[in-house]
C-alpha cells in the first residue's frame, strides 16, 4: 500500500503564480528522485469553520490562500529513501527558500494508505 506525505500551508495570495511555478519545479525534482506522484492544489471557497477548518488550521491571514499537497510513494521505506535524497538535493532546497510561504504554519504528516482505487 502507498505511503503519502501530506501538507497544508498558507501562501500569500499575491504570490500564487509564483507558487505554481515553484510547485512545478519541485514536482519535477520529486519525480526525478522517484516519487510516484505529486499533487498541489489551491483552496477554493474555503470558509473558516466554527471549530476547525483548513483556514483555521494554518492560521490563515486575510491576504493568504490555503494550499493542499501530497506526494505519493510506493511504501514507507521508499518514502524515507526519497525524502532523504530530497533533503540533500541543493536544487530542491533552493526552490523552497522563499519568504511568502508560511512555512512555520504548515501542517504535514506521513500517512499509510488504507484504501486505493
PDB file of N, CA and C in Angstrom:
ATOM      1  N   UNK A   1       0.851  -1.181   0.000  1.00  0.00           N
ATOM      2  CA  UNK A   1       0.000   0.000   0.000  1.00  0.00           C
ATOM      3  C   UNK A   1       0.894   1.241   0.000  1.00  0.00           C
ATOM      4  N   UNK A   2       0.462   2.267  -0.698  1.00  0.00           N
ATOM      5  CA  UNK A   2       1.232   3.509  -0.826  1.00  0.00           C
ATOM      6  C   UNK A   2       1.435   4.207   0.509  1.00  0.00           C
ATOM      7  N   UNK A   3       2.431   5.071   0.521  1.00  0.00           N
ATOM      8  CA  UNK A   3       2.706   5.955   1.647  1.00  0.00           C
ATOM      9  C   UNK A   3       2.657   7.380   1.093  1.00  0.00           C
ATOM     10  N   UNK A   4       2.161   8.317   1.895  1.00  0.00           N
ATOM     11  CA  UNK A   4       1.980   9.689   1.438  1.00  0.00           C
ATOM     12  C   UNK A   4       2.583  10.675   2.429  1.00  0.00           C
ATOM     13  N   UNK A   5       3.204  11.719   1.929  1.00  0.00           N
ATOM     14  CA  UNK A   5       3.484  12.910   2.708  1.00  0.00           C
ATOM     15  C   UNK A   5       2.395  13.893   2.325  1.00  0.00           C
ATOM     16  N   UNK A   6       1.680  14.443   3.307  1.00  0.00           N
ATOM     17  CA  UNK A   6       0.588  15.373   3.042  1.00  0.00           C
ATOM     18  C   UNK A   6       0.872  16.690   3.736  1.00  0.00           C
ATOM     19  N   UNK A   7       0.462  17.786   3.104  1.00  0.00           N
ATOM     20  CA  UNK A   7       0.745  19.130   3.599  1.00  0.00           C
ATOM     21  C   UNK A   7      -0.456  20.037   3.399  1.00  0.00           C
ATOM     22  N   UNK A   8      -0.650  20.966   4.324  1.00  0.00           N
ATOM     23  CA  UNK A   8      -1.464  22.148   4.060  1.00  0.00           C
ATOM     24  C   UNK A   8      -0.627  23.334   4.536  1.00  0.00           C
ATOM     25  N   UNK A   9      -0.653  24.411   3.772  1.00  0.00           N
ATOM     26  CA  UNK A   9       0.166  25.563   4.113  1.00  0.00           C
ATOM     27  C   UNK A   9      -0.436  26.834   3.551  1.00  0.00           C
ATOM     28  N   UNK A  10      -0.163  27.963   4.212  1.00  0.00           N
ATOM     29  CA  UNK A  10      -0.633  29.242   3.691  1.00  0.00           C
ATOM     30  C   UNK A  10       0.398  29.847   2.736  1.00  0.00           C
ATOM     31  N   UNK A  11      -0.116  30.452   1.666  1.00  0.00           N
ATOM     32  CA  UNK A  11       0.730  31.145   0.695  1.00  0.00           C
ATOM     33  C   UNK A  11       0.108  32.516   0.449  1.00  0.00           C
ATOM     34  N   UNK A  12       0.951  33.535   0.369  1.00  0.00           N
ATOM     35  CA  UNK A  12       0.442  34.873   0.062  1.00  0.00           C
ATOM     36  C   UNK A  12      -0.303  34.826  -1.278  1.00  0.00           C
ATOM     37  N   UNK A  13      -1.538  35.279  -1.295  1.00  0.00           N
ATOM     38  CA  UNK A  13      -2.369  35.242  -2.496  1.00  0.00           C
ATOM     39  C   UNK A  13      -1.700  35.956  -3.662  1.00  0.00           C
ATOM     40  N   UNK A  14      -1.007  37.035  -3.393  1.00  0.00           N
ATOM     41  CA  UNK A  14      -0.318  37.776  -4.453  1.00  0.00           C
ATOM     42  C   UNK A  14       0.783  36.946  -5.105  1.00  0.00           C
ATOM     43  N   UNK A  15       1.198  35.869  -4.461  1.00  0.00           N
ATOM     44  CA  UNK A  15       2.282  35.031  -4.975  1.00  0.00           C
ATOM     45  C   UNK A  15       1.802  33.660  -5.460  1.00  0.00           C
ATOM     46  N   UNK A  16       0.508  33.505  -5.732  1.00  0.00           N
ATOM     47  CA  UNK A  16       0.005  32.201  -6.169  1.00  0.00           C
ATOM     48  C   UNK A  16       0.643  31.739  -7.483  1.00  0.00           C
ATOM     49  N   UNK A  17       0.850  32.639  -8.420  1.00  0.00           N
ATOM     50  CA  UNK A  17       1.506  32.250  -9.671  1.00  0.00           C
ATOM     51  C   UNK A  17       2.958  31.863  -9.409  1.00  0.00           C
ATOM     52  N   UNK A  18       3.634  32.578  -8.522  1.00  0.00           N
ATOM     53  CA  UNK A  18       4.998  32.197  -8.134  1.00  0.00           C
ATOM     54  C   UNK A  18       4.994  30.813  -7.500  1.00  0.00           C
ATOM     55  N   UNK A  19       3.989  30.551  -6.652  1.00  0.00           N
ATOM     56  CA  UNK A  19       3.904  29.243  -6.010  1.00  0.00           C
ATOM     57  C   UNK A  19       3.666  28.150  -7.048  1.00  0.00           C
ATOM     58  N   UNK A  20       2.802  28.429  -8.024  1.00  0.00           N
ATOM     59  CA  UNK A  20       2.536  27.434  -9.066  1.00  0.00           C
ATOM     60  C   UNK A  20       3.837  27.085  -9.799  1.00  0.00           C
ATOM     61  N   UNK A  21       4.618  28.078 -10.136  1.00  0.00           N
ATOM     62  CA  UNK A  21       5.901  27.851 -10.813  1.00  0.00           C
ATOM     63  C   UNK A  21       6.823  27.030  -9.915  1.00  0.00           C
ATOM     64  N   UNK A  22       6.905  27.418  -8.636  1.00  0.00           N
ATOM     65  CA  UNK A  22       7.719  26.674  -7.676  1.00  0.00           C
ATOM     66  C   UNK A  22       7.237  25.230  -7.558  1.00  0.00           C
ATOM     67  N   UNK A  23       5.917  25.032  -7.500  1.00  0.00           N
ATOM     68  CA  UNK A  23       5.351  23.691  -7.348  1.00  0.00           C
ATOM     69  C   UNK A  23       5.695  22.811  -8.548  1.00  0.00           C
ATOM     70  N   UNK A  24       5.643  23.369  -9.745  1.00  0.00           N
ATOM     71  CA  UNK A  24       6.015  22.608 -10.944  1.00  0.00           C
ATOM     72  C   UNK A  24       7.491  22.225 -10.884  1.00  0.00           C
ATOM     73  N   UNK A  25       8.347  23.171 -10.499  1.00  0.00           N
ATOM     74  CA  UNK A  25       9.775  22.877 -10.382  1.00  0.00           C
ATOM     75  C   UNK A  25      10.032  21.803  -9.329  1.00  0.00           C
ATOM     76  N   UNK A  26       9.425  21.962  -8.160  1.00  0.00           N
ATOM     77  CA  UNK A  26       9.621  20.994  -7.077  1.00  0.00           C
ATOM     78  C   UNK A  26       9.067  19.627  -7.458  1.00  0.00           C
ATOM     79  N   UNK A  27       7.923  19.603  -8.135  1.00  0.00           N
ATOM     80  CA  UNK A  27       7.339  18.326  -8.566  1.00  0.00           C
ATOM     81  C   UNK A  27       8.275  17.569  -9.500  1.00  0.00           C
ATOM     82  N   UNK A  28       8.905  18.285 -10.408  1.00  0.00           N
ATOM     83  CA  UNK A  28       9.863  17.645 -11.318  1.00  0.00           C
ATOM     84  C   UNK A  28      11.036  17.052 -10.549  1.00  0.00           C
ATOM     85  N   UNK A  29      11.490  17.776  -9.528  1.00  0.00           N
ATOM     86  CA  UNK A  29      12.605  17.263  -8.714  1.00  0.00           C
ATOM     87  C   UNK A  29      12.163  16.023  -7.941  1.00  0.00           C
ATOM     88  N   UNK A  30      10.991  16.083  -7.290  1.00  0.00           N
ATOM     89  CA  UNK A  30      10.480  14.919  -6.561  1.00  0.00           C
ATOM     90  C   UNK A  30      10.347  13.715  -7.489  1.00  0.00           C
ATOM     91  N   UNK A  31       9.840  13.942  -8.696  1.00  0.00           N
ATOM     92  CA  UNK A  31       9.686  12.840  -9.657  1.00  0.00           C
ATOM     93  C   UNK A  31      11.054  12.310 -10.090  1.00  0.00           C
ATOM     94  N   UNK A  32      12.031  13.188 -10.302  1.00  0.00           N
ATOM     95  CA  UNK A  32      13.382  12.753 -10.644  1.00  0.00           C
ATOM     96  C   UNK A  32      13.960  11.888  -9.541  1.00  0.00           C
ATOM     97  N   UNK A  33      13.598  12.191  -8.305  1.00  0.00           N
ATOM     98  CA  UNK A  33      14.099  11.429  -7.157  1.00  0.00           C
ATOM     99  C   UNK A  33      13.275  10.172  -6.885  1.00  0.00           C
ATOM    100  N   UNK A  34      12.269   9.902  -7.732  1.00  0.00           N
ATOM    101  CA  UNK A  34      11.484   8.655  -7.735  1.00  0.00           C
ATOM    102  C   UNK A  34      10.184   8.693  -6.952  1.00  0.00           C
ATOM    103  N   UNK A  35       9.685   9.874  -6.569  1.00  0.00           N
ATOM    104  CA  UNK A  35       8.328   9.947  -6.016  1.00  0.00           C
ATOM    105  C   UNK A  35       7.363   9.517  -7.118  1.00  0.00           C
ATOM    106  N   UNK A  36       6.291   8.846  -6.746  1.00  0.00           N
ATOM    107  CA  UNK A  36       5.347   8.331  -7.740  1.00  0.00           C
ATOM    108  C   UNK A  36       4.383   9.390  -8.258  1.00  0.00           C
ATOM    109  N   UNK A  37       4.011  10.325  -7.394  1.00  0.00           N
ATOM    110  CA  UNK A  37       3.018  11.328  -7.767  1.00  0.00           C
ATOM    111  C   UNK A  37       3.163  12.536  -6.843  1.00  0.00           C
ATOM    112  N   UNK A  38       2.957  13.706  -7.384  1.00  0.00           N
ATOM    113  CA  UNK A  38       2.965  14.943  -6.599  1.00  0.00           C
ATOM    114  C   UNK A  38       1.730  15.739  -7.004  1.00  0.00           C
ATOM    115  N   UNK A  39       0.944  16.156  -6.021  1.00  0.00           N
ATOM    116  CA  UNK A  39      -0.261  16.941  -6.283  1.00  0.00           C
ATOM    117  C   UNK A  39      -0.202  18.210  -5.438  1.00  0.00           C
ATOM    118  N   UNK A  40      -0.484  19.338  -6.067  1.00  0.00           N
ATOM    119  CA  UNK A  40      -0.575  20.632  -5.386  1.00  0.00           C
ATOM    120  C   UNK A  40      -1.916  21.243  -5.786  1.00  0.00           C
ATOM    121  N   UNK A  41      -2.667  21.746  -4.815  1.00  0.00           N
ATOM    122  CA  UNK A  41      -3.979  22.313  -5.114  1.00  0.00           C
ATOM    123  C   UNK A  41      -4.223  23.560  -4.272  1.00  0.00           C
ATOM    124  N   UNK A  42      -4.871  24.542  -4.906  1.00  0.00           N
ATOM    125  CA  UNK A  42      -5.217  25.805  -4.252  1.00  0.00           C
ATOM    126  C   UNK A  42      -6.610  25.699  -3.662  1.00  0.00           C
ATOM    127  N   UNK A  43      -6.754  26.137  -2.417  1.00  0.00           N
ATOM    128  CA  UNK A  43      -8.072  26.142  -1.789  1.00  0.00           C
ATOM    129  C   UNK A  43      -9.035  27.031  -2.556  1.00  0.00           C
ATOM    130  N   UNK A  44     -10.287  26.605  -2.618  1.00  0.00           N
ATOM    131  CA  UNK A  44     -11.300  27.353  -3.365  1.00  0.00           C
ATOM    132  C   UNK A  44     -12.557  27.444  -2.510  1.00  0.00           C
ATOM    133  N   UNK A  45     -12.915  28.627  -2.121  1.00  0.00           N
ATOM    134  CA  UNK A  45     -14.126  28.821  -1.330  1.00  0.00           C
ATOM    135  C   UNK A  45     -14.038  28.231   0.073  1.00  0.00           C
ATOM    136  N   UNK A  46     -12.838  28.170   0.629  1.00  0.00           N
ATOM    137  CA  UNK A  46     -12.687  27.620   1.976  1.00  0.00           C
ATOM    138  C   UNK A  46     -13.097  28.666   3.007  1.00  0.00           C
ATOM    139  N   UNK A  47     -14.040  28.331   3.826  1.00  0.00           N
ATOM    140  CA  UNK A  47     -14.507  29.239   4.875  1.00  0.00           C
ATOM    141  C   UNK A  47     -13.992  28.748   6.229  1.00  0.00           C
ATOM    142  N   UNK A  48     -13.657  29.663   7.114  1.00  0.00           N
ATOM    143  CA  UNK A  48     -13.259  29.240   8.459  1.00  0.00           C
ATOM    144  C   UNK A  48     -14.431  28.556   9.158  1.00  0.00           C
ATOM    145  N   UNK A  49     -14.213  27.398   9.703  1.00  0.00           N
ATOM    146  CA  UNK A  49     -15.263  26.701  10.448  1.00  0.00           C
ATOM    147  C   UNK A  49     -15.397  27.269  11.850  1.00  0.00           C
ATOM    148  N   UNK A  50     -16.450  26.866  12.554  1.00  0.00           N
ATOM    149  CA  UNK A  50     -16.626  27.339  13.921  1.00  0.00           C
ATOM    150  C   UNK A  50     -15.559  26.764  14.846  1.00  0.00           C
ATOM    151  N   UNK A  51     -15.177  25.506  14.623  1.00  0.00           N
ATOM    152  CA  UNK A  51     -14.159  24.868  15.455  1.00  0.00           C
ATOM    153  C   UNK A  51     -12.883  24.557  14.686  1.00  0.00           C
ATOM    154  N   UNK A  52     -13.043  23.924  13.519  1.00  0.00           N
ATOM    155  CA  UNK A  52     -11.878  23.528  12.729  1.00  0.00           C
ATOM    156  C   UNK A  52     -12.149  23.775  11.252  1.00  0.00           C
ATOM    157  N   UNK A  53     -11.078  23.929  10.506  1.00  0.00           N
ATOM    158  CA  UNK A  53     -11.162  24.088   9.055  1.00  0.00           C
ATOM    159  C   UNK A  53      -9.735  24.226   8.547  1.00  0.00           C
ATOM    160  N   UNK A  54      -9.561  24.134   7.246  1.00  0.00           N
ATOM    161  CA  UNK A  54      -8.237  24.368   6.683  1.00  0.00           C
ATOM    162  C   UNK A  54      -7.735  25.784   6.998  1.00  0.00           C
ATOM    163  N   UNK A  55      -8.552  26.832   6.803  1.00  0.00           N
ATOM    164  CA  UNK A  55      -8.060  28.172   7.142  1.00  0.00           C
ATOM    165  C   UNK A  55      -7.660  28.307   8.617  1.00  0.00           C
ATOM    166  N   UNK A  56      -8.449  27.743   9.508  1.00  0.00           N
ATOM    167  CA  UNK A  56      -8.117  27.826  10.936  1.00  0.00           C
ATOM    168  C   UNK A  56      -6.860  27.025  11.253  1.00  0.00           C
ATOM    169  N   UNK A  57      -6.694  25.893  10.601  1.00  0.00           N
ATOM    170  CA  UNK A  57      -5.554  25.009  10.889  1.00  0.00           C
ATOM    171  C   UNK A  57      -4.220  25.708  10.643  1.00  0.00           C
ATOM    172  N   UNK A  58      -4.155  26.543   9.596  1.00  0.00           N
ATOM    173  CA  UNK A  58      -2.887  27.218   9.263  1.00  0.00           C
ATOM    174  C   UNK A  58      -2.876  28.689   9.701  1.00  0.00           C
ATOM    175  N   UNK A  59      -3.871  29.076  10.527  1.00  0.00           N
ATOM    176  CA  UNK A  59      -3.981  30.464  10.983  1.00  0.00           C
ATOM    177  C   UNK A  59      -3.917  31.428   9.795  1.00  0.00           C
ATOM    178  N   UNK A  60      -4.754  31.127   8.799  1.00  0.00           N
ATOM    179  CA  UNK A  60      -4.763  31.862   7.542  1.00  0.00           C
ATOM    180  C   UNK A  60      -4.994  33.348   7.766  1.00  0.00           C
ATOM    181  N   UNK A  61      -4.162  34.155   7.142  1.00  0.00           N
ATOM    182  CA  UNK A  61      -4.313  35.610   7.199  1.00  0.00           C
ATOM    183  C   UNK A  61      -5.129  36.076   5.994  1.00  0.00           C
ATOM    184  N   UNK A  62      -5.645  37.293   6.060  1.00  0.00           N
ATOM    185  CA  UNK A  62      -6.558  37.815   5.041  1.00  0.00           C
ATOM    186  C   UNK A  62      -5.958  37.812   3.633  1.00  0.00           C
ATOM    187  N   UNK A  63      -4.663  37.993   3.518  1.00  0.00           N
ATOM    188  CA  UNK A  63      -4.006  38.070   2.208  1.00  0.00           C
ATOM    189  C   UNK A  63      -3.361  36.746   1.789  1.00  0.00           C
ATOM    190  N   UNK A  64      -3.889  35.625   2.311  1.00  0.00           N
ATOM    191  CA  UNK A  64      -3.305  34.312   2.020  1.00  0.00           C
ATOM    192  C   UNK A  64      -4.339  33.337   1.486  1.00  0.00           C
ATOM    193  N   UNK A  65      -3.832  32.281   0.866  1.00  0.00           N
ATOM    194  CA  UNK A  65      -4.632  31.189   0.330  1.00  0.00           C
ATOM    195  C   UNK A  65      -4.062  29.873   0.868  1.00  0.00           C
ATOM    196  N   UNK A  66      -4.941  28.916   1.142  1.00  0.00           N
ATOM    197  CA  UNK A  66      -4.500  27.600   1.610  1.00  0.00           C
ATOM    198  C   UNK A  66      -4.101  26.739   0.408  1.00  0.00           C
ATOM    199  N   UNK A  67      -2.953  26.088   0.534  1.00  0.00           N
ATOM    200  CA  UNK A  67      -2.502  25.100  -0.446  1.00  0.00           C
ATOM    201  C   UNK A  67      -2.556  23.731   0.210  1.00  0.00           C
ATOM    202  N   UNK A  68      -3.067  22.761  -0.516  1.00  0.00           N
ATOM    203  CA  UNK A  68      -3.125  21.363  -0.064  1.00  0.00           C
ATOM    204  C   UNK A  68      -2.265  20.570  -1.029  1.00  0.00           C
ATOM    205  N   UNK A  69      -1.451  19.671  -0.497  1.00  0.00           N
ATOM    206  CA  UNK A  69      -0.498  18.958  -1.336  1.00  0.00           C
ATOM    207  C   UNK A  69      -0.240  17.563  -0.783  1.00  0.00           C
ATOM    208  N   UNK A  70       0.092  16.642  -1.699  1.00  0.00           N
ATOM    209  CA  UNK A  70       0.599  15.354  -1.232  1.00  0.00           C
ATOM    210  C   UNK A  70       1.600  14.796  -2.230  1.00  0.00           C
ATOM    211  N   UNK A  71       2.476  13.954  -1.707  1.00  0.00           N
ATOM    212  CA  UNK A  71       3.460  13.236  -2.508  1.00  0.00           C
ATOM    213  C   UNK A  71       3.251  11.752  -2.209  1.00  0.00           C
ATOM    214  N   UNK A  72       3.138  10.949  -3.263  1.00  0.00           N
ATOM    215  CA  UNK A  72       2.879   9.511  -3.089  1.00  0.00           C
ATOM    216  C   UNK A  72       4.150   8.710  -3.353  1.00  0.00           C
ATOM    217  N   UNK A  73       4.355   7.714  -2.501  1.00  0.00           N
ATOM    218  CA  UNK A  73       5.498   6.803  -2.593  1.00  0.00           C
ATOM    219  C   UNK A  73       4.988   5.367  -2.578  1.00  0.00           C
ATOM    220  N   UNK A  74       5.838   4.413  -2.988  1.00  0.00           N
ATOM    221  CA  UNK A  74       5.430   3.002  -3.001  1.00  0.00           C
ATOM    222  C   UNK A  74       5.051   2.514  -1.612  1.00  0.00           C
ATOM    223  N   UNK A  75       5.890   2.824  -0.627  1.00  0.00           N
ATOM    224  CA  UNK A  75       5.696   2.383   0.748  1.00  0.00           C
ATOM    225  C   UNK A  75       6.567   3.248   1.650  1.00  0.00           C
ATOM    226  N   UNK A  76       6.588   2.965   2.929  1.00  0.00           N
ATOM    227  CA  UNK A  76       7.328   3.816   3.873  1.00  0.00           C
ATOM    228  C   UNK A  76       8.832   3.789   3.608  1.00  0.00           C
ATOM    229  N   UNK A  77       9.373   2.632   3.295  1.00  0.00           N
ATOM    230  CA  UNK A  77      10.812   2.543   3.029  1.00  0.00           C
ATOM    231  C   UNK A  77      11.187   3.391   1.815  1.00  0.00           C
ATOM    232  N   UNK A  78      10.364   3.323   0.764  1.00  0.00           N
ATOM    233  CA  UNK A  78      10.593   4.134  -0.434  1.00  0.00           C
ATOM    234  C   UNK A  78      10.484   5.617  -0.089  1.00  0.00           C
ATOM    235  N   UNK A  79       9.492   5.976   0.703  1.00  0.00           N
ATOM    236  CA  UNK A  79       9.312   7.369   1.126  1.00  0.00           C
ATOM    237  C   UNK A  79      10.548   7.869   1.860  1.00  0.00           C
ATOM    238  N   UNK A  80      11.019   7.096   2.825  1.00  0.00           N
ATOM    239  CA  UNK A  80      12.173   7.527   3.616  1.00  0.00           C
ATOM    240  C   UNK A  80      13.412   7.711   2.741  1.00  0.00           C
ATOM    241  N   UNK A  81      13.586   6.834   1.769  1.00  0.00           N
ATOM    242  CA  UNK A  81      14.722   6.919   0.848  1.00  0.00           C
ATOM    243  C   UNK A  81      14.632   8.178  -0.026  1.00  0.00           C
ATOM    244  N   UNK A  82      13.458   8.432  -0.582  1.00  0.00           N
ATOM    245  CA  UNK A  82      13.277   9.591  -1.471  1.00  0.00           C
ATOM    246  C   UNK A  82      13.368  10.899  -0.685  1.00  0.00           C
ATOM    247  N   UNK A  83      12.775  10.949   0.497  1.00  0.00           N
ATOM    248  CA  UNK A  83      12.824  12.170   1.297  1.00  0.00           C
ATOM    249  C   UNK A  83      14.263  12.471   1.720  1.00  0.00           C
ATOM    250  N   UNK A  84      15.024  11.464   2.085  1.00  0.00           N
ATOM    251  CA  UNK A  84      16.432  11.684   2.442  1.00  0.00           C
ATOM    252  C   UNK A  84      17.191  12.280   1.256  1.00  0.00           C
ATOM    253  N   UNK A  85      16.949  11.742   0.071  1.00  0.00           N
ATOM    254  CA  UNK A  85      17.603  12.276  -1.137  1.00  0.00           C
ATOM    255  C   UNK A  85      17.145  13.706  -1.408  1.00  0.00           C
ATOM    256  N   UNK A  86      15.860  13.982  -1.203  1.00  0.00           N
ATOM    257  CA  UNK A  86      15.327  15.322  -1.447  1.00  0.00           C
ATOM    258  C   UNK A  86      15.928  16.351  -0.495  1.00  0.00           C
ATOM    259  N   UNK A  87      16.051  15.992   0.772  1.00  0.00           N
ATOM    260  CA  UNK A  87      16.591  16.929   1.751  1.00  0.00           C
ATOM    261  C   UNK A  87      18.073  17.220   1.502  1.00  0.00           C
ATOM    262  N   UNK A  88      18.746  16.335   0.789  1.00  0.00           N
ATOM    263  CA  UNK A  88      20.155  16.543   0.446  1.00  0.00           C
ATOM    264  C   UNK A  88      20.327  17.171  -0.936  1.00  0.00           C
ATOM    265  N   UNK A  89      19.234  17.407  -1.639  1.00  0.00           N
ATOM    266  CA  UNK A  89      19.287  17.923  -3.005  1.00  0.00           C
ATOM    267  C   UNK A  89      19.316  19.454  -2.981  1.00  0.00           C
ATOM    268  N   UNK A  90      20.425  20.086  -3.356  1.00  0.00           N
ATOM    269  CA  UNK A  90      20.501  21.553  -3.293  1.00  0.00           C
ATOM    270  C   UNK A  90      19.509  22.248  -4.225  1.00  0.00           C
ATOM    271  N   UNK A  91      19.137  21.602  -5.307  1.00  0.00           N
ATOM    272  CA  UNK A  91      18.168  22.206  -6.227  1.00  0.00           C
ATOM    273  C   UNK A  91      16.806  22.350  -5.542  1.00  0.00           C
ATOM    274  N   UNK A  92      16.391  21.342  -4.791  1.00  0.00           N
ATOM    275  CA  UNK A  92      15.100  21.408  -4.108  1.00  0.00           C
ATOM    276  C   UNK A  92      15.139  22.409  -2.961  1.00  0.00           C
ATOM    277  N   UNK A  93      16.179  22.407  -2.170  1.00  0.00           N
ATOM    278  CA  UNK A  93      16.243  23.352  -1.049  1.00  0.00           C
ATOM    279  C   UNK A  93      16.296  24.794  -1.555  1.00  0.00           C
ATOM    280  N   UNK A  94      16.929  25.043  -2.678  1.00  0.00           N
ATOM    281  CA  UNK A  94      16.969  26.394  -3.254  1.00  0.00           C
ATOM    282  C   UNK A  94      15.585  26.836  -3.707  1.00  0.00           C
ATOM    283  N   UNK A  95      14.829  25.927  -4.300  1.00  0.00           N
ATOM    284  CA  UNK A  95      13.482  26.238  -4.780  1.00  0.00           C
ATOM    285  C   UNK A  95      12.576  26.633  -3.616  1.00  0.00           C
ATOM    286  N   UNK A  96      12.755  26.010  -2.465  1.00  0.00           N
ATOM    287  CA  UNK A  96      11.850  26.220  -1.334  1.00  0.00           C
ATOM    288  C   UNK A  96      12.221  27.421  -0.465  1.00  0.00           C
ATOM    289  N   UNK A  97      13.306  28.110  -0.747  1.00  0.00           N
ATOM    290  CA  UNK A  97      13.778  29.207   0.097  1.00  0.00           C
ATOM    291  C   UNK A  97      13.118  30.529  -0.299  1.00  0.00           C
ATOM    292  N   UNK A  98      11.848  30.691   0.087  1.00  0.00           N
ATOM    293  CA  UNK A  98      11.099  31.913  -0.202  1.00  0.00           C
ATOM    294  C   UNK A  98      10.391  32.367   1.075  1.00  0.00           C
ATOM    295  N   UNK A  99      10.114  33.665   1.145  1.00  0.00           N
ATOM    296  CA  UNK A  99       9.501  34.189   2.369  1.00  0.00           C
ATOM    297  C   UNK A  99       7.984  34.367   2.282  1.00  0.00           C
ATOM    298  N   UNK A 100       7.372  34.068   1.151  1.00  0.00           N
ATOM    299  CA  UNK A 100       5.933  34.261   1.012  1.00  0.00           C
ATOM    300  C   UNK A 100       5.141  32.973   1.242  1.00  0.00           C
ATOM    301  N   UNK A 101       5.818  31.938   1.720  1.00  0.00           N
ATOM    302  CA  UNK A 101       5.152  30.711   2.155  1.00  0.00           C
ATOM    303  C   UNK A 101       5.202  30.714   3.680  1.00  0.00           C
ATOM    304  N   UNK A 102       4.065  30.483   4.315  1.00  0.00           N
ATOM    305  CA  UNK A 102       4.013  30.456   5.780  1.00  0.00           C
ATOM    306  C   UNK A 102       4.482  29.115   6.323  1.00  0.00           C
ATOM    307  N   UNK A 103       5.758  28.803   6.113  1.00  0.00           N
ATOM    308  CA  UNK A 103       6.307  27.507   6.491  1.00  0.00           C
ATOM    309  C   UNK A 103       6.158  27.158   7.960  1.00  0.00           C
ATOM    310  N   UNK A 104       6.201  28.152   8.825  1.00  0.00           N
ATOM    311  CA  UNK A 104       6.052  27.878  10.253  1.00  0.00           C
ATOM    312  C   UNK A 104       4.634  27.463  10.613  1.00  0.00           C
ATOM    313  N   UNK A 105       3.670  27.763   9.739  1.00  0.00           N
ATOM    314  CA  UNK A 105       2.276  27.390   9.978  1.00  0.00           C
ATOM    315  C   UNK A 105       1.847  26.193   9.134  1.00  0.00           C
ATOM    316  N   UNK A 106       2.792  25.620   8.399  1.00  0.00           N
ATOM    317  CA  UNK A 106       2.495  24.448   7.575  1.00  0.00           C
ATOM    318  C   UNK A 106       2.198  23.249   8.483  1.00  0.00           C
ATOM    319  N   UNK A 107       1.243  22.450   8.074  1.00  0.00           N
ATOM    320  CA  UNK A 107       0.921  21.203   8.764  1.00  0.00           C
ATOM    321  C   UNK A 107       1.259  20.074   7.800  1.00  0.00           C
ATOM    322  N   UNK A 108       1.988  19.083   8.277  1.00  0.00           N
ATOM    323  CA  UNK A 108       2.346  17.978   7.399  1.00  0.00           C
ATOM    324  C   UNK A 108       2.391  16.695   8.210  1.00  0.00           C
ATOM    325  N   UNK A 109       2.326  15.601   7.509  1.00  0.00           N
ATOM    326  CA  UNK A 109       2.421  14.302   8.164  1.00  0.00           C
ATOM    327  C   UNK A 109       2.615  13.221   7.137  1.00  0.00           C
ATOM    328  N   UNK A 110       2.975  12.057   7.621  1.00  0.00           N
ATOM    329  CA  UNK A 110       3.168  10.861   6.793  1.00  0.00           C
ATOM    330  C   UNK A 110       1.962   9.959   7.024  1.00  0.00           C
ATOM    331  N   UNK A 111       1.383   9.457   5.939  1.00  0.00           N
ATOM    332  CA  UNK A 111       0.189   8.634   6.016  1.00  0.00           C
ATOM    333  C   UNK A 111       0.382   7.333   5.235  1.00  0.00           C
ATOM    334  N   UNK A 112      -0.105   6.247   5.802  1.00  0.00           N
ATOM    335  CA  UNK A 112      -0.089   4.951   5.130  1.00  0.00           C
ATOM    336  C   UNK A 112      -1.461   4.751   4.488  1.00  0.00           C
ATOM    337  N   UNK A 113      -1.461   4.394   3.201  1.00  0.00           N
ATOM    338  CA  UNK A 113      -2.720   4.174   2.501  1.00  0.00           C
ATOM    339  C   UNK A 113      -3.510   3.030   3.112  1.00  0.00           C
ATOM    340  N   UNK A 114      -4.831   3.191   3.150  1.00  0.00           N
ATOM    341  CA  UNK A 114      -5.705   2.111   3.640  1.00  0.00           C
ATOM    342  C   UNK A 114      -6.729   1.686   2.599  1.00  0.00           C
ATOM    343  N   UNK A 115      -6.955   2.527   1.587  1.00  0.00           N
ATOM    344  CA  UNK A 115      -7.870   2.185   0.503  1.00  0.00           C
ATOM    345  C   UNK A 115      -7.435   2.986  -0.730  1.00  0.00           C
ATOM    346  N   UNK A 116      -7.206   2.306  -1.835  1.00  0.00           N
ATOM    347  CA  UNK A 116      -6.831   2.974  -3.078  1.00  0.00           C
ATOM    348  C   UNK A 116      -7.580   2.318  -4.219  1.00  0.00           C
ATOM    349  N   UNK A 117      -8.111   3.149  -5.118  1.00  0.00           N
ATOM    350  CA  UNK A 117      -8.811   2.596  -6.267  1.00  0.00           C
ATOM    351  C   UNK A 117      -8.201   3.119  -7.540  1.00  0.00           C
TER     352      UNK A 117
END
